[in-house]
Amino acid sequence: MLLGIDHIEMVVPDINVVAEFFKKLGFEEVRRTEHHGSAVEMRLPGENQTVWEFHTGKSIEVPGINHIAFKVDDIEATVAALQARGIQFDGPIKRAAGSGRVTASLRDPNYHRLQLTE
């Protein structure tokens, strides 16, 4: 089941400007990937901190929060349990090439993107 927030993804015009700003706030850079063109993952120092993933937008994405991802311990079991409760997913479970995360995507009743991440 859900264990906590894994990451929050935001679409931004310039990841380098955002990365420098968050570094000044005390965040550390975790990694950069070519996810969605280019992305940077950052978090506050210490254990169990939520990752903030910033990526450059595409023409279909608007600046702001793209999705919130929740940590799960067993994604297949969690997806099956939630589907049994009537939750619909946007597609099959998949592995993100850039980060290696195993994910399943869904939307809340207001069409906001959510993600489960193992």
N, C-alpha and C. Protein backbone atom coordinates (compact mmCIF):
# COMPACT_ATOMS: atom_id res chain seq x y z
N MET A 1 0.83 -1.18 0.00
CA MET A 1 0.00 0.00 0.00
C MET A 1 0.89 1.26 0.00
N LEU A 2 0.26 2.40 0.10
CA LEU A 2 1.00 3.65 0.04
C LEU A 2 1.83 3.85 1.29
N LEU A 3 3.11 4.20 1.11
CA LEU A 3 4.03 4.37 2.22
C LEU A 3 4.39 5.83 2.48
N GLY A 4 4.21 6.70 1.50
CA GLY A 4 4.58 8.10 1.62
C GLY A 4 4.76 8.69 0.24
N ILE A 5 5.20 9.92 0.18
CA ILE A 5 5.45 10.57 -1.11
C ILE A 5 6.85 10.22 -1.58
N ASP A 6 6.97 9.72 -2.80
CA ASP A 6 8.26 9.40 -3.39
C ASP A 6 8.86 10.64 -4.04
N HIS A 7 8.09 11.30 -4.91
CA HIS A 7 8.59 12.51 -5.55
C HIS A 7 7.42 13.37 -6.04
N ILE A 8 7.74 14.63 -6.26
CA ILE A 8 6.81 15.58 -6.84
C ILE A 8 7.48 16.13 -8.08
N GLU A 9 6.80 16.02 -9.22
CA GLU A 9 7.39 16.48 -10.48
C GLU A 9 6.76 17.80 -10.89
N MET A 10 7.63 18.75 -11.21
CA MET A 10 7.17 20.07 -11.66
C MET A 10 7.75 20.38 -13.03
N VAL A 11 6.92 20.95 -13.88
CA VAL A 11 7.36 21.43 -15.19
C VAL A 11 7.84 22.87 -15.02
N VAL A 12 9.05 23.14 -15.50
CA VAL A 12 9.64 24.48 -15.37
C VAL A 12 10.27 24.87 -16.71
N PRO A 13 10.42 26.17 -16.96
CA PRO A 13 11.03 26.61 -18.22
C PRO A 13 12.53 26.32 -18.30
N ASP A 14 13.25 26.39 -17.17
CA ASP A 14 14.71 26.25 -17.19
C ASP A 14 15.16 25.50 -15.94
N ILE A 15 15.55 24.24 -16.10
CA ILE A 15 15.92 23.44 -14.92
C ILE A 15 17.19 23.96 -14.25
N ASN A 16 18.09 24.57 -15.00
CA ASN A 16 19.33 25.07 -14.39
C ASN A 16 19.05 26.23 -13.44
N VAL A 17 18.19 27.14 -13.83
CA VAL A 17 17.83 28.27 -12.96
C VAL A 17 17.14 27.75 -11.70
N VAL A 18 16.21 26.81 -11.88
CA VAL A 18 15.48 26.25 -10.74
C VAL A 18 16.43 25.48 -9.82
N ALA A 19 17.35 24.69 -10.40
CA ALA A 19 18.30 23.93 -9.59
C ALA A 19 19.17 24.86 -8.74
N GLU A 20 19.65 25.93 -9.31
CA GLU A 20 20.47 26.87 -8.54
C GLU A 20 19.67 27.52 -7.42
N PHE A 21 18.42 27.86 -7.68
CA PHE A 21 17.56 28.45 -6.65
C PHE A 21 17.37 27.47 -5.49
N PHE A 22 17.03 26.22 -5.80
CA PHE A 22 16.78 25.24 -4.74
C PHE A 22 18.06 24.88 -3.99
N LYS A 23 19.22 24.93 -4.66
CA LYS A 23 20.49 24.72 -3.96
C LYS A 23 20.70 25.81 -2.91
N LYS A 24 20.34 27.04 -3.26
CA LYS A 24 20.45 28.15 -2.29
C LYS A 24 19.53 27.94 -1.10
N LEU A 25 18.41 27.23 -1.30
CA LEU A 25 17.49 26.91 -0.20
C LEU A 25 18.01 25.75 0.66
N GLY A 26 19.04 25.06 0.19
CA GLY A 26 19.61 23.96 0.96
C GLY A 26 19.38 22.59 0.36
N PHE A 27 18.75 22.53 -0.82
CA PHE A 27 18.52 21.24 -1.48
C PHE A 27 19.83 20.74 -2.09
N GLU A 28 19.93 19.43 -2.25
CA GLU A 28 21.07 18.83 -2.93
C GLU A 28 20.59 18.17 -4.22
N GLU A 29 21.45 18.19 -5.21
CA GLU A 29 21.11 17.57 -6.50
C GLU A 29 21.33 16.07 -6.39
N VAL A 30 20.32 15.29 -6.75
CA VAL A 30 20.39 13.84 -6.70
C VAL A 30 20.92 13.30 -8.02
N ARG A 31 20.32 13.73 -9.13
CA ARG A 31 20.78 13.29 -10.45
C ARG A 31 20.09 14.11 -11.53
N ARG A 32 20.70 14.06 -12.71
CA ARG A 32 20.10 14.66 -13.91
C ARG A 32 19.86 13.53 -14.89
N THR A 33 18.75 13.63 -15.60
CA THR A 33 18.41 12.62 -16.61
C THR A 33 17.90 13.32 -17.85
N GLU A 34 17.70 12.56 -18.89
CA GLU A 34 17.10 13.08 -20.12
C GLU A 34 15.59 12.82 -20.12
N HIS A 35 15.04 12.50 -18.97
CA HIS A 35 13.61 12.29 -18.77
C HIS A 35 12.85 13.53 -19.21
N HIS A 36 11.91 13.40 -20.12
CA HIS A 36 11.12 14.52 -20.64
C HIS A 36 12.01 15.59 -21.29
N GLY A 37 13.09 15.23 -21.91
CA GLY A 37 13.99 16.20 -22.52
C GLY A 37 15.18 16.49 -21.63
N SER A 38 14.93 17.00 -20.46
CA SER A 38 15.98 17.14 -19.44
C SER A 38 15.30 17.33 -18.10
N ALA A 39 15.91 16.75 -17.07
CA ALA A 39 15.32 16.82 -15.74
C ALA A 39 16.42 16.82 -14.69
N VAL A 40 16.10 17.40 -13.54
CA VAL A 40 17.01 17.36 -12.39
C VAL A 40 16.17 16.95 -11.18
N GLU A 41 16.71 16.02 -10.40
CA GLU A 41 16.05 15.59 -9.16
C GLU A 41 16.82 16.18 -7.99
N MET A 42 16.08 16.73 -7.02
CA MET A 42 16.69 17.39 -5.87
C MET A 42 15.93 17.01 -4.61
N ARG A 43 16.63 17.10 -3.47
CA ARG A 43 15.97 16.85 -2.19
C ARG A 43 16.74 17.55 -1.08
N LEU A 44 16.06 17.73 0.03
CA LEU A 44 16.74 18.26 1.21
C LEU A 44 17.65 17.19 1.78
N PRO A 45 18.73 17.57 2.47
CA PRO A 45 19.63 16.58 3.07
C PRO A 45 18.90 15.76 4.13
N GLY A 46 19.37 14.55 4.35
CA GLY A 46 18.80 13.69 5.39
C GLY A 46 18.05 12.51 4.80
N GLU A 47 17.68 11.61 5.69
CA GLU A 47 16.98 10.39 5.26
C GLU A 47 15.51 10.65 4.97
N ASN A 48 14.98 9.86 4.04
CA ASN A 48 13.55 9.84 3.73
C ASN A 48 12.99 11.18 3.28
N GLN A 49 13.79 11.97 2.59
CA GLN A 49 13.31 13.25 2.07
C GLN A 49 12.62 13.04 0.72
N THR A 50 11.58 13.80 0.49
CA THR A 50 10.86 13.74 -0.78
C THR A 50 11.74 14.32 -1.89
N VAL A 51 11.78 13.65 -3.02
CA VAL A 51 12.50 14.14 -4.19
C VAL A 51 11.59 15.08 -4.96
N TRP A 52 12.16 16.23 -5.34
CA TRP A 52 11.49 17.17 -6.24
C TRP A 52 12.15 17.00 -7.60
N GLU A 53 11.37 16.63 -8.60
CA GLU A 53 11.90 16.44 -9.95
C GLU A 53 11.40 17.60 -10.81
N PHE A 54 12.35 18.35 -11.37
CA PHE A 54 12.02 19.47 -12.24
C PHE A 54 12.38 19.07 -13.66
N HIS A 55 11.47 19.30 -14.59
CA HIS A 55 11.81 19.01 -15.98
C HIS A 55 11.28 20.10 -16.88
N THR A 56 11.93 20.22 -18.03
CA THR A 56 11.52 21.23 -19.00
C THR A 56 10.24 20.78 -19.67
N GLY A 57 9.35 21.71 -19.88
CA GLY A 57 8.05 21.39 -20.44
C GLY A 57 8.08 21.15 -21.93
N LYS A 58 7.11 20.37 -22.36
CA LYS A 58 6.86 20.17 -23.79
C LYS A 58 5.64 21.00 -24.13
N SER A 59 5.29 21.06 -25.37
CA SER A 59 4.18 21.92 -25.80
C SER A 59 2.84 21.52 -25.18
N ILE A 60 2.71 20.26 -24.75
CA ILE A 60 1.44 19.82 -24.15
C ILE A 60 1.42 19.98 -22.64
N GLU A 61 2.52 20.42 -22.04
CA GLU A 61 2.61 20.54 -20.58
C GLU A 61 2.68 22.01 -20.19
N VAL A 62 2.01 22.33 -19.11
CA VAL A 62 2.04 23.71 -18.61
C VAL A 62 2.93 23.76 -17.37
N PRO A 63 3.56 24.90 -17.09
CA PRO A 63 4.38 25.01 -15.89
C PRO A 63 3.55 24.74 -14.63
N GLY A 64 4.18 24.11 -13.67
CA GLY A 64 3.52 23.79 -12.42
C GLY A 64 3.68 22.32 -12.09
N ILE A 65 2.94 21.87 -11.08
CA ILE A 65 3.04 20.47 -10.67
C ILE A 65 2.48 19.57 -11.76
N ASN A 66 3.29 18.65 -12.22
CA ASN A 66 2.90 17.68 -13.24
C ASN A 66 2.23 16.48 -12.59
N HIS A 67 2.86 15.94 -11.54
CA HIS A 67 2.25 14.84 -10.80
C HIS A 67 2.91 14.67 -9.43
N ILE A 68 2.21 13.96 -8.56
CA ILE A 68 2.74 13.56 -7.26
C ILE A 68 2.82 12.05 -7.27
N ALA A 69 3.97 11.51 -6.88
CA ALA A 69 4.18 10.06 -6.87
C ALA A 69 4.26 9.56 -5.44
N PHE A 70 3.55 8.47 -5.18
CA PHE A 70 3.53 7.85 -3.86
C PHE A 70 4.38 6.59 -3.85
N LYS A 71 5.18 6.42 -2.79
CA LYS A 71 5.99 5.22 -2.62
C LYS A 71 5.09 4.04 -2.27
N VAL A 72 5.40 2.89 -2.86
CA VAL A 72 4.73 1.64 -2.49
C VAL A 72 5.81 0.57 -2.35
N ASP A 73 5.51 -0.46 -1.56
CA ASP A 73 6.50 -1.52 -1.38
C ASP A 73 6.37 -2.63 -2.42
N ASP A 74 5.18 -2.84 -2.95
CA ASP A 74 4.93 -3.88 -3.96
C ASP A 74 3.94 -3.30 -4.96
N ILE A 75 4.44 -2.81 -6.07
CA ILE A 75 3.58 -2.09 -7.01
C ILE A 75 2.52 -2.98 -7.63
N GLU A 76 2.87 -4.21 -7.96
CA GLU A 76 1.88 -5.10 -8.57
C GLU A 76 0.73 -5.40 -7.62
N ALA A 77 1.05 -5.69 -6.36
CA ALA A 77 0.01 -5.97 -5.37
C ALA A 77 -0.83 -4.73 -5.08
N THR A 78 -0.17 -3.58 -5.03
CA THR A 78 -0.90 -2.33 -4.75
C THR A 78 -1.83 -1.98 -5.89
N VAL A 79 -1.36 -2.10 -7.13
CA VAL A 79 -2.21 -1.83 -8.29
C VAL A 79 -3.41 -2.77 -8.29
N ALA A 80 -3.17 -4.05 -8.05
CA ALA A 80 -4.27 -5.03 -8.04
C ALA A 80 -5.29 -4.70 -6.94
N ALA A 81 -4.81 -4.34 -5.76
CA ALA A 81 -5.71 -4.01 -4.65
C ALA A 81 -6.53 -2.76 -4.96
N LEU A 82 -5.89 -1.75 -5.55
CA LEU A 82 -6.61 -0.53 -5.89
C LEU A 82 -7.59 -0.75 -7.04
N GLN A 83 -7.22 -1.56 -8.01
CA GLN A 83 -8.15 -1.88 -9.10
C GLN A 83 -9.38 -2.61 -8.54
N ALA A 84 -9.17 -3.46 -7.55
CA ALA A 84 -10.30 -4.16 -6.92
C ALA A 84 -11.23 -3.19 -6.22
N ARG A 85 -10.71 -2.02 -5.84
CA ARG A 85 -11.52 -0.98 -5.20
C ARG A 85 -12.12 -0.02 -6.22
N GLY A 86 -11.89 -0.26 -7.50
CA GLY A 86 -12.47 0.57 -8.54
C GLY A 86 -11.57 1.65 -9.09
N ILE A 87 -10.29 1.69 -8.68
CA ILE A 87 -9.35 2.68 -9.20
C ILE A 87 -8.89 2.23 -10.59
N GLN A 88 -8.94 3.15 -11.54
CA GLN A 88 -8.49 2.87 -12.90
C GLN A 88 -7.12 3.50 -13.13
N PHE A 89 -6.28 2.79 -13.84
CA PHE A 89 -4.93 3.27 -14.16
C PHE A 89 -4.86 3.64 -15.63
N ASP A 90 -3.91 4.56 -15.95
CA ASP A 90 -3.77 5.07 -17.32
C ASP A 90 -3.13 4.07 -18.28
N GLY A 91 -2.51 3.04 -17.76
CA GLY A 91 -1.83 2.06 -18.60
C GLY A 91 -1.16 1.03 -17.71
N PRO A 92 -0.32 0.20 -18.31
CA PRO A 92 0.35 -0.84 -17.54
C PRO A 92 1.48 -0.29 -16.66
N ILE A 93 1.91 -1.09 -15.73
CA ILE A 93 3.08 -0.78 -14.90
C ILE A 93 4.29 -0.73 -15.83
N LYS A 94 5.16 0.26 -15.64
CA LYS A 94 6.34 0.35 -16.50
C LYS A 94 7.55 0.86 -15.72
N ARG A 95 8.72 0.66 -16.30
CA ARG A 95 9.98 1.13 -15.71
C ARG A 95 10.43 2.38 -16.46
N ALA A 96 10.69 3.46 -15.71
CA ALA A 96 11.19 4.70 -16.31
C ALA A 96 12.65 4.52 -16.68
N ALA A 97 12.98 4.77 -17.92
CA ALA A 97 14.34 4.55 -18.41
C ALA A 97 15.37 5.42 -17.70
N GLY A 98 15.06 6.69 -17.48
CA GLY A 98 16.03 7.61 -16.89
C GLY A 98 16.33 7.34 -15.43
N SER A 99 15.28 7.10 -14.63
CA SER A 99 15.46 6.96 -13.19
C SER A 99 15.48 5.51 -12.72
N GLY A 100 14.96 4.59 -13.52
CA GLY A 100 14.87 3.20 -13.13
C GLY A 100 13.68 2.90 -12.23
N ARG A 101 12.87 3.90 -11.93
CA ARG A 101 11.70 3.68 -11.08
C ARG A 101 10.67 2.82 -11.81
N VAL A 102 9.99 1.97 -11.05
CA VAL A 102 8.86 1.21 -11.58
C VAL A 102 7.61 1.98 -11.19
N THR A 103 6.77 2.32 -12.19
CA THR A 103 5.66 3.23 -11.93
C THR A 103 4.34 2.73 -12.52
N ALA A 104 3.27 3.26 -11.94
CA ALA A 104 1.92 3.08 -12.49
C ALA A 104 1.23 4.44 -12.36
N SER A 105 0.59 4.89 -13.43
CA SER A 105 -0.01 6.22 -13.45
C SER A 105 -1.53 6.15 -13.40
N LEU A 106 -2.12 7.15 -12.72
CA LEU A 106 -3.56 7.25 -12.59
C LEU A 106 -3.94 8.71 -12.46
N ARG A 107 -5.22 8.98 -12.43
CA ARG A 107 -5.72 10.36 -12.25
C ARG A 107 -6.76 10.36 -11.14
N ASP A 108 -6.79 11.48 -10.40
CA ASP A 108 -7.82 11.61 -9.36
C ASP A 108 -9.12 12.08 -10.04
N PRO A 109 -10.21 12.22 -9.29
CA PRO A 109 -11.48 12.61 -9.91
C PRO A 109 -11.45 13.98 -10.60
N ASN A 110 -10.46 14.82 -10.27
CA ASN A 110 -10.33 16.13 -10.90
C ASN A 110 -9.29 16.12 -12.02
N TYR A 111 -8.87 14.93 -12.45
CA TYR A 111 -7.94 14.72 -13.57
C TYR A 111 -6.49 15.05 -13.25
N HIS A 112 -6.13 15.28 -11.98
CA HIS A 112 -4.73 15.50 -11.62
C HIS A 112 -3.98 14.18 -11.76
N ARG A 113 -2.76 14.28 -12.27
CA ARG A 113 -1.92 13.09 -12.45
C ARG A 113 -1.34 12.65 -11.12
N LEU A 114 -1.43 11.37 -10.85
CA LEU A 114 -0.81 10.74 -9.69
C LEU A 114 0.00 9.55 -10.20
N GLN A 115 0.92 9.08 -9.38
CA GLN A 115 1.77 7.96 -9.78
C GLN A 115 2.08 7.12 -8.56
N LEU A 116 2.16 5.83 -8.75
CA LEU A 116 2.69 4.92 -7.72
C LEU A 116 4.09 4.56 -8.16
N THR A 117 5.01 4.50 -7.21
CA THR A 117 6.42 4.24 -7.53
C THR A 117 6.99 3.21 -6.57
N GLU A 118 7.64 2.21 -7.12
CA GLU A 118 8.32 1.19 -6.28
C GLU A 118 9.81 1.40 -6.39
